[in-house]
Amino acid sequence: MISLTSLRIDAPIKPASYLRMLFYIVLASVMVILAGLASLALWQYVLIFVVSAAVVSYLALSRPILLHLSQPPLDKSVYQYWQLLMRTSRGDTLWQAELAAVSSYQWVMCFQFIIKEPYQRHLSVTVFRDQVSTEHWRELMILVNTISHKTS
């Protein structure tokens, strides 16, 4: 068993995910089926398509992409001093953050950070299982289980 003091996460994260793409395809299919069952006028279908395309484009272009996740030094709290390598519209930058919460599901983990540098804000990051190696997924699961036991 790995003790909490010896576990240090340093995980590269792939920007692309087949699981995320599958999720979006299923979601879009459900939306198309529901719109088809609603029997709307043609202009309403066009309006829904234009608004959906605008929202998806905005989210795809404006959200930073997590490329690397590094845990703080072992002598620090597990919640503070996280380093996130982020890809933004201005290039790749290193952000410092505090881990606010983390939750895990079968194929996905959701991290909530409070960014300290370059500017203070909240950030939620979703990591799908196919974005990290098996070993890094195992380490992240240990982190999730340890943190959930501390807060319970």
N, C-alpha and C. Protein backbone atom coordinates (compact mmCIF):
# COMPACT_ATOMS: atom_id res chain seq x y z
N MET A 1 0.84 -1.19 0.00
CA MET A 1 0.00 0.00 0.00
C MET A 1 0.88 1.24 0.00
N ILE A 2 0.51 2.23 -0.75
CA ILE A 2 1.26 3.47 -0.84
C ILE A 2 0.76 4.42 0.23
N SER A 3 1.68 4.92 1.03
CA SER A 3 1.26 5.88 2.06
C SER A 3 1.07 7.24 1.41
N LEU A 4 0.27 8.06 2.07
CA LEU A 4 -0.04 9.38 1.51
C LEU A 4 1.21 10.24 1.42
N THR A 5 2.16 10.04 2.33
CA THR A 5 3.36 10.86 2.30
C THR A 5 4.30 10.47 1.17
N SER A 6 4.16 9.26 0.62
CA SER A 6 5.05 8.85 -0.46
C SER A 6 4.42 9.01 -1.84
N LEU A 7 3.15 9.33 -1.89
CA LEU A 7 2.47 9.48 -3.18
C LEU A 7 2.59 10.92 -3.66
N ARG A 8 3.16 11.08 -4.84
CA ARG A 8 3.24 12.41 -5.45
C ARG A 8 2.81 12.27 -6.90
N ILE A 9 1.75 12.97 -7.24
CA ILE A 9 1.18 12.86 -8.58
C ILE A 9 1.85 13.85 -9.51
N ASP A 10 2.29 13.35 -10.64
CA ASP A 10 2.89 14.17 -11.69
C ASP A 10 2.41 13.57 -13.01
N ALA A 11 1.21 13.96 -13.41
CA ALA A 11 0.52 13.26 -14.50
C ALA A 11 0.37 14.12 -15.75
N PRO A 12 0.97 13.68 -16.86
CA PRO A 12 0.65 14.34 -18.14
C PRO A 12 -0.75 13.93 -18.58
N ILE A 13 -1.48 14.87 -19.14
CA ILE A 13 -2.86 14.63 -19.54
C ILE A 13 -3.01 14.94 -21.02
N LYS A 14 -3.51 13.98 -21.77
CA LYS A 14 -3.71 14.18 -23.21
C LYS A 14 -4.89 15.13 -23.42
N PRO A 15 -4.74 16.09 -24.32
CA PRO A 15 -5.85 17.02 -24.56
C PRO A 15 -7.08 16.36 -25.18
N ALA A 16 -6.88 15.34 -26.00
CA ALA A 16 -8.01 14.69 -26.69
C ALA A 16 -8.47 13.46 -25.91
N SER A 17 -9.78 13.20 -25.99
CA SER A 17 -10.34 12.05 -25.30
C SER A 17 -11.45 11.44 -26.15
N TYR A 18 -11.34 10.15 -26.40
CA TYR A 18 -12.40 9.45 -27.14
C TYR A 18 -13.65 9.33 -26.29
N LEU A 19 -13.49 9.19 -24.99
CA LEU A 19 -14.66 9.10 -24.10
C LEU A 19 -15.44 10.41 -24.08
N ARG A 20 -14.71 11.53 -24.06
CA ARG A 20 -15.37 12.84 -24.09
C ARG A 20 -16.12 13.02 -25.41
N MET A 21 -15.48 12.62 -26.52
CA MET A 21 -16.13 12.73 -27.82
C MET A 21 -17.37 11.85 -27.88
N LEU A 22 -17.29 10.64 -27.35
CA LEU A 22 -18.45 9.75 -27.30
C LEU A 22 -19.58 10.36 -26.48
N PHE A 23 -19.22 10.96 -25.35
CA PHE A 23 -20.22 11.63 -24.51
C PHE A 23 -20.92 12.75 -25.27
N TYR A 24 -20.14 13.57 -25.99
CA TYR A 24 -20.73 14.68 -26.75
C TYR A 24 -21.61 14.17 -27.89
N ILE A 25 -21.20 13.09 -28.54
CA ILE A 25 -22.01 12.53 -29.63
C ILE A 25 -23.33 12.01 -29.11
N VAL A 26 -23.29 11.31 -27.98
CA VAL A 26 -24.53 10.80 -27.37
C VAL A 26 -25.43 11.96 -26.96
N LEU A 27 -24.85 12.99 -26.36
CA LEU A 27 -25.63 14.16 -25.95
C LEU A 27 -26.26 14.86 -27.15
N ALA A 28 -25.49 15.03 -28.22
CA ALA A 28 -26.02 15.67 -29.42
C ALA A 28 -27.12 14.81 -30.05
N SER A 29 -26.95 13.50 -30.04
CA SER A 29 -27.98 12.61 -30.59
C SER A 29 -29.28 12.72 -29.81
N VAL A 30 -29.18 12.77 -28.50
CA VAL A 30 -30.38 12.92 -27.68
C VAL A 30 -31.07 14.25 -27.98
N MET A 31 -30.28 15.31 -28.13
CA MET A 31 -30.85 16.63 -28.45
C MET A 31 -31.56 16.60 -29.81
N VAL A 32 -30.95 15.95 -30.80
CA VAL A 32 -31.56 15.87 -32.13
C VAL A 32 -32.85 15.06 -32.08
N ILE A 33 -32.85 13.97 -31.34
CA ILE A 33 -34.06 13.15 -31.22
C ILE A 33 -35.17 13.93 -30.53
N LEU A 34 -34.83 14.63 -29.45
CA LEU A 34 -35.84 15.42 -28.74
C LEU A 34 -36.37 16.56 -29.61
N ALA A 35 -35.47 17.19 -30.37
CA ALA A 35 -35.92 18.26 -31.27
C ALA A 35 -36.82 17.69 -32.36
N GLY A 36 -36.50 16.51 -32.86
CA GLY A 36 -37.34 15.88 -33.88
C GLY A 36 -38.72 15.51 -33.35
N LEU A 37 -38.77 15.09 -32.10
CA LEU A 37 -40.06 14.74 -31.50
C LEU A 37 -40.90 15.97 -31.16
N ALA A 38 -40.26 17.13 -31.08
CA ALA A 38 -40.99 18.34 -30.71
C ALA A 38 -41.79 18.92 -31.87
N SER A 39 -41.54 18.50 -33.07
CA SER A 39 -42.20 18.99 -34.29
C SER A 39 -42.26 20.52 -34.33
N LEU A 40 -41.07 21.12 -34.43
CA LEU A 40 -40.95 22.57 -34.49
C LEU A 40 -40.99 23.05 -35.94
N ALA A 41 -41.13 24.35 -36.09
CA ALA A 41 -41.06 24.96 -37.42
C ALA A 41 -39.59 24.99 -37.86
N LEU A 42 -39.37 25.12 -39.17
CA LEU A 42 -38.01 25.10 -39.71
C LEU A 42 -37.14 26.20 -39.11
N TRP A 43 -37.67 27.41 -38.96
CA TRP A 43 -36.87 28.50 -38.42
C TRP A 43 -36.47 28.22 -36.97
N GLN A 44 -37.26 27.47 -36.24
CA GLN A 44 -36.90 27.13 -34.86
C GLN A 44 -35.75 26.12 -34.83
N TYR A 45 -35.76 25.17 -35.76
CA TYR A 45 -34.64 24.23 -35.87
C TYR A 45 -33.35 24.98 -36.21
N VAL A 46 -33.45 25.92 -37.15
CA VAL A 46 -32.28 26.71 -37.55
C VAL A 46 -31.77 27.52 -36.36
N LEU A 47 -32.67 28.13 -35.61
CA LEU A 47 -32.29 28.91 -34.44
C LEU A 47 -31.58 28.04 -33.39
N ILE A 48 -32.12 26.86 -33.13
CA ILE A 48 -31.49 25.94 -32.18
C ILE A 48 -30.10 25.54 -32.65
N PHE A 49 -29.96 25.26 -33.95
CA PHE A 49 -28.66 24.88 -34.50
C PHE A 49 -27.65 26.02 -34.38
N VAL A 50 -28.05 27.24 -34.73
CA VAL A 50 -27.14 28.39 -34.68
C VAL A 50 -26.70 28.67 -33.24
N VAL A 51 -27.63 28.67 -32.31
CA VAL A 51 -27.30 28.93 -30.90
C VAL A 51 -26.39 27.83 -30.36
N SER A 52 -26.70 26.58 -30.68
CA SER A 52 -25.87 25.46 -30.22
C SER A 52 -24.45 25.56 -30.78
N ALA A 53 -24.33 25.87 -32.06
CA ALA A 53 -23.01 26.01 -32.67
C ALA A 53 -22.23 27.15 -32.04
N ALA A 54 -22.90 28.26 -31.75
CA ALA A 54 -22.23 29.40 -31.12
C ALA A 54 -21.74 29.05 -29.71
N VAL A 55 -22.56 28.37 -28.94
CA VAL A 55 -22.18 28.00 -27.58
C VAL A 55 -21.01 27.01 -27.60
N VAL A 56 -21.09 26.00 -28.45
CA VAL A 56 -20.01 25.01 -28.54
C VAL A 56 -18.71 25.68 -29.00
N SER A 57 -18.78 26.56 -29.97
CA SER A 57 -17.58 27.27 -30.44
C SER A 57 -16.98 28.12 -29.34
N TYR A 58 -17.81 28.85 -28.62
CA TYR A 58 -17.33 29.69 -27.53
C TYR A 58 -16.63 28.85 -26.46
N LEU A 59 -17.26 27.76 -26.05
CA LEU A 59 -16.67 26.91 -25.01
C LEU A 59 -15.38 26.26 -25.48
N ALA A 60 -15.34 25.84 -26.74
CA ALA A 60 -14.14 25.19 -27.26
C ALA A 60 -12.97 26.16 -27.36
N LEU A 61 -13.24 27.41 -27.68
CA LEU A 61 -12.16 28.38 -27.87
C LEU A 61 -11.76 29.10 -26.59
N SER A 62 -12.66 29.22 -25.63
CA SER A 62 -12.36 30.05 -24.46
C SER A 62 -11.87 29.26 -23.25
N ARG A 63 -12.18 27.98 -23.16
CA ARG A 63 -11.79 27.21 -21.97
C ARG A 63 -10.33 26.77 -22.08
N PRO A 64 -9.58 26.95 -21.00
CA PRO A 64 -8.21 26.45 -21.01
C PRO A 64 -8.20 24.92 -20.95
N ILE A 65 -7.16 24.32 -21.52
CA ILE A 65 -7.04 22.86 -21.58
C ILE A 65 -5.92 22.43 -20.64
N LEU A 66 -6.20 21.48 -19.76
CA LEU A 66 -5.21 20.96 -18.83
C LEU A 66 -4.28 20.00 -19.55
N LEU A 67 -2.97 20.27 -19.48
CA LEU A 67 -1.97 19.42 -20.13
C LEU A 67 -1.17 18.59 -19.15
N HIS A 68 -1.01 19.10 -17.92
CA HIS A 68 -0.20 18.40 -16.92
C HIS A 68 -0.68 18.80 -15.53
N LEU A 69 -0.69 17.84 -14.63
CA LEU A 69 -1.17 18.04 -13.27
C LEU A 69 -0.08 17.58 -12.32
N SER A 70 0.39 18.47 -11.44
CA SER A 70 1.45 18.13 -10.49
C SER A 70 1.02 18.44 -9.08
N GLN A 71 1.22 17.45 -8.21
CA GLN A 71 0.87 17.59 -6.80
C GLN A 71 1.94 18.41 -6.09
N PRO A 72 1.59 19.02 -4.96
CA PRO A 72 2.56 19.83 -4.23
C PRO A 72 3.68 18.97 -3.65
N PRO A 73 4.75 19.62 -3.18
CA PRO A 73 5.81 18.87 -2.50
C PRO A 73 5.23 18.08 -1.33
N LEU A 74 5.88 16.98 -0.98
CA LEU A 74 5.34 16.08 0.03
C LEU A 74 5.23 16.70 1.41
N ASP A 75 6.02 17.74 1.69
CA ASP A 75 5.94 18.37 3.02
C ASP A 75 4.82 19.40 3.11
N LYS A 76 4.08 19.60 2.04
CA LYS A 76 2.97 20.57 2.02
C LYS A 76 1.64 19.84 2.08
N SER A 77 0.59 20.59 2.34
CA SER A 77 -0.76 20.04 2.36
C SER A 77 -1.14 19.52 0.98
N VAL A 78 -1.94 18.46 0.96
CA VAL A 78 -2.37 17.87 -0.31
C VAL A 78 -3.28 18.83 -1.08
N TYR A 79 -3.81 19.83 -0.42
CA TYR A 79 -4.75 20.76 -1.05
C TYR A 79 -4.06 21.98 -1.65
N GLN A 80 -2.87 22.32 -1.21
CA GLN A 80 -2.22 23.56 -1.65
C GLN A 80 -1.08 23.27 -2.61
N TYR A 81 -0.69 24.33 -3.32
CA TYR A 81 0.51 24.34 -4.18
C TYR A 81 0.44 23.37 -5.36
N TRP A 82 -0.72 23.18 -5.92
CA TRP A 82 -0.83 22.37 -7.13
C TRP A 82 -0.33 23.18 -8.31
N GLN A 83 0.29 22.52 -9.27
CA GLN A 83 0.73 23.17 -10.50
C GLN A 83 -0.02 22.56 -11.67
N LEU A 84 -0.60 23.43 -12.47
CA LEU A 84 -1.38 23.01 -13.63
C LEU A 84 -0.76 23.63 -14.88
N LEU A 85 -0.34 22.80 -15.80
CA LEU A 85 0.12 23.31 -17.09
C LEU A 85 -1.10 23.42 -17.98
N MET A 86 -1.43 24.65 -18.35
CA MET A 86 -2.66 24.92 -19.09
C MET A 86 -2.35 25.46 -20.48
N ARG A 87 -3.12 25.00 -21.46
CA ARG A 87 -3.04 25.56 -22.81
C ARG A 87 -4.17 26.56 -22.96
N THR A 88 -3.81 27.80 -23.18
CA THR A 88 -4.79 28.86 -23.36
C THR A 88 -4.63 29.46 -24.75
N SER A 89 -5.43 30.44 -25.05
CA SER A 89 -5.33 31.10 -26.36
C SER A 89 -4.01 31.86 -26.49
N ARG A 90 -3.34 32.14 -25.36
CA ARG A 90 -2.07 32.85 -25.38
C ARG A 90 -0.87 31.92 -25.25
N GLY A 91 -1.09 30.61 -25.37
CA GLY A 91 0.00 29.64 -25.28
C GLY A 91 -0.07 28.82 -24.00
N ASP A 92 0.95 28.01 -23.77
CA ASP A 92 1.00 27.15 -22.59
C ASP A 92 1.58 27.93 -21.42
N THR A 93 0.89 27.88 -20.28
CA THR A 93 1.35 28.58 -19.08
C THR A 93 1.17 27.68 -17.87
N LEU A 94 1.98 27.94 -16.86
CA LEU A 94 1.92 27.19 -15.61
C LEU A 94 1.10 27.98 -14.60
N TRP A 95 0.06 27.36 -14.08
CA TRP A 95 -0.82 27.99 -13.09
C TRP A 95 -0.60 27.32 -11.75
N GLN A 96 -0.72 28.11 -10.68
CA GLN A 96 -0.69 27.56 -9.32
C GLN A 96 -2.10 27.60 -8.77
N ALA A 97 -2.45 26.52 -8.03
CA ALA A 97 -3.83 26.41 -7.57
C ALA A 97 -3.90 25.65 -6.25
N GLU A 98 -5.06 25.80 -5.62
CA GLU A 98 -5.41 24.98 -4.46
C GLU A 98 -6.50 24.02 -4.89
N LEU A 99 -6.40 22.79 -4.43
CA LEU A 99 -7.42 21.79 -4.73
C LEU A 99 -8.59 22.00 -3.78
N ALA A 100 -9.74 22.35 -4.33
CA ALA A 100 -10.93 22.59 -3.50
C ALA A 100 -11.73 21.31 -3.30
N ALA A 101 -11.90 20.53 -4.35
CA ALA A 101 -12.67 19.28 -4.26
C ALA A 101 -12.31 18.39 -5.44
N VAL A 102 -12.55 17.12 -5.25
CA VAL A 102 -12.35 16.15 -6.32
C VAL A 102 -13.39 15.05 -6.16
N SER A 103 -13.96 14.66 -7.28
CA SER A 103 -14.93 13.56 -7.26
C SER A 103 -14.60 12.61 -8.40
N SER A 104 -14.91 11.35 -8.17
CA SER A 104 -14.55 10.32 -9.12
C SER A 104 -15.76 9.47 -9.48
N TYR A 105 -15.81 9.10 -10.73
CA TYR A 105 -16.83 8.21 -11.24
C TYR A 105 -16.11 7.10 -12.00
N GLN A 106 -16.83 6.21 -12.62
CA GLN A 106 -16.22 5.05 -13.26
C GLN A 106 -15.18 5.45 -14.32
N TRP A 107 -15.51 6.39 -15.19
CA TRP A 107 -14.64 6.73 -16.31
C TRP A 107 -14.16 8.18 -16.30
N VAL A 108 -14.48 8.92 -15.26
CA VAL A 108 -14.16 10.35 -15.25
C VAL A 108 -13.88 10.83 -13.84
N MET A 109 -13.02 11.85 -13.73
CA MET A 109 -12.75 12.53 -12.47
C MET A 109 -12.97 14.02 -12.68
N CYS A 110 -13.55 14.66 -11.68
CA CYS A 110 -13.79 16.09 -11.74
C CYS A 110 -13.00 16.77 -10.63
N PHE A 111 -12.12 17.67 -11.01
CA PHE A 111 -11.32 18.42 -10.06
C PHE A 111 -11.84 19.85 -10.01
N GLN A 112 -11.90 20.39 -8.81
CA GLN A 112 -12.26 21.80 -8.65
C GLN A 112 -11.08 22.49 -7.96
N PHE A 113 -10.54 23.48 -8.65
CA PHE A 113 -9.39 24.21 -8.15
C PHE A 113 -9.76 25.66 -7.90
N ILE A 114 -9.02 26.28 -7.00
CA ILE A 114 -9.03 27.74 -6.85
C ILE A 114 -7.67 28.21 -7.36
N ILE A 115 -7.68 28.84 -8.50
CA ILE A 115 -6.44 29.30 -9.12
C ILE A 115 -5.90 30.48 -8.32
N LYS A 116 -4.60 30.44 -8.02
CA LYS A 116 -3.94 31.54 -7.30
C LYS A 116 -3.11 32.40 -8.25
N GLU A 117 -2.44 31.79 -9.19
CA GLU A 117 -1.64 32.49 -10.18
C GLU A 117 -1.99 31.93 -11.54
N PRO A 118 -2.13 32.68 -12.58
CA PRO A 118 -1.82 34.07 -12.81
C PRO A 118 -2.88 35.04 -12.30
N TYR A 119 -4.09 34.59 -12.04
CA TYR A 119 -5.13 35.45 -11.47
C TYR A 119 -6.09 34.55 -10.70
N GLN A 120 -6.71 35.09 -9.68
CA GLN A 120 -7.54 34.27 -8.82
C GLN A 120 -8.92 34.03 -9.44
N ARG A 121 -9.31 32.75 -9.49
CA ARG A 121 -10.60 32.35 -10.01
C ARG A 121 -10.84 30.89 -9.68
N HIS A 122 -12.04 30.42 -9.87
CA HIS A 122 -12.37 29.01 -9.70
C HIS A 122 -12.26 28.32 -11.06
N LEU A 123 -11.84 27.06 -11.04
CA LEU A 123 -11.70 26.30 -12.27
C LEU A 123 -12.11 24.86 -12.01
N SER A 124 -12.99 24.35 -12.85
CA SER A 124 -13.37 22.93 -12.80
C SER A 124 -12.75 22.24 -14.00
N VAL A 125 -12.12 21.11 -13.75
CA VAL A 125 -11.44 20.35 -14.80
C VAL A 125 -11.96 18.92 -14.78
N THR A 126 -12.28 18.40 -15.94
CA THR A 126 -12.74 17.02 -16.07
C THR A 126 -11.65 16.22 -16.78
N VAL A 127 -11.26 15.11 -16.17
CA VAL A 127 -10.25 14.23 -16.75
C VAL A 127 -10.91 12.87 -17.00
N PHE A 128 -10.92 12.46 -18.26
CA PHE A 128 -11.46 11.16 -18.61
C PHE A 128 -10.36 10.10 -18.51
N ARG A 129 -10.77 8.88 -18.32
CA ARG A 129 -9.84 7.78 -18.06
C ARG A 129 -8.85 7.58 -19.21
N ASP A 130 -9.25 7.83 -20.43
CA ASP A 130 -8.35 7.62 -21.56
C ASP A 130 -7.38 8.78 -21.79
N GLN A 131 -7.42 9.80 -20.95
CA GLN A 131 -6.51 10.93 -21.09
C GLN A 131 -5.22 10.74 -20.30
N VAL A 132 -5.18 9.76 -19.41
CA VAL A 132 -3.99 9.50 -18.60
C VAL A 132 -3.63 8.02 -18.70
N SER A 133 -2.40 7.70 -18.33
CA SER A 133 -1.97 6.30 -18.34
C SER A 133 -2.66 5.54 -17.21
N THR A 134 -2.58 4.23 -17.28
CA THR A 134 -3.19 3.38 -16.24
C THR A 134 -2.58 3.66 -14.88
N GLU A 135 -1.28 3.83 -14.84
CA GLU A 135 -0.59 4.11 -13.56
C GLU A 135 -1.02 5.45 -12.98
N HIS A 136 -1.12 6.47 -13.82
CA HIS A 136 -1.55 7.79 -13.33
C HIS A 136 -3.02 7.76 -12.90
N TRP A 137 -3.85 7.00 -13.60
CA TRP A 137 -5.26 6.87 -13.20
C TRP A 137 -5.34 6.24 -11.81
N ARG A 138 -4.51 5.22 -11.57
CA ARG A 138 -4.49 4.57 -10.26
C ARG A 138 -4.06 5.55 -9.17
N GLU A 139 -3.04 6.35 -9.44
CA GLU A 139 -2.59 7.34 -8.47
C GLU A 139 -3.67 8.38 -8.19
N LEU A 140 -4.36 8.81 -9.24
CA LEU A 140 -5.44 9.78 -9.05
C LEU A 140 -6.58 9.17 -8.24
N MET A 141 -6.87 7.90 -8.45
CA MET A 141 -7.91 7.22 -7.66
C MET A 141 -7.52 7.14 -6.19
N ILE A 142 -6.24 6.89 -5.91
CA ILE A 142 -5.76 6.88 -4.52
C ILE A 142 -5.95 8.26 -3.91
N LEU A 143 -5.63 9.30 -4.66
CA LEU A 143 -5.83 10.67 -4.17
C LEU A 143 -7.30 10.92 -3.86
N VAL A 144 -8.18 10.55 -4.77
CA VAL A 144 -9.62 10.76 -4.56
C VAL A 144 -10.10 10.03 -3.32
N ASN A 145 -9.70 8.77 -3.17
CA ASN A 145 -10.13 7.99 -2.01
C ASN A 145 -9.58 8.55 -0.71
N THR A 146 -8.34 9.03 -0.73
CA THR A 146 -7.73 9.60 0.47
C THR A 146 -8.43 10.89 0.87
N ILE A 147 -8.70 11.74 -0.09
CA ILE A 147 -9.35 13.01 0.21
C ILE A 147 -10.79 12.79 0.65
N SER A 148 -11.50 11.86 0.02
CA SER A 148 -12.89 11.62 0.42
C SER A 148 -12.96 11.03 1.82
N HIS A 149 -11.95 10.24 2.24
CA HIS A 149 -11.93 9.70 3.60
C HIS A 149 -11.60 10.79 4.61
N LYS A 150 -10.78 11.77 4.22
CA LYS A 150 -10.45 12.87 5.13
C LYS A 150 -11.65 13.77 5.39
N THR A 151 -12.47 13.98 4.37
CA THR A 151 -13.60 14.90 4.51
C THR A 151 -14.85 14.22 5.03
N SER A 152 -14.88 12.89 5.07
CA SER A 152 -16.07 12.18 5.56
C SER A 152 -16.10 12.11 7.07
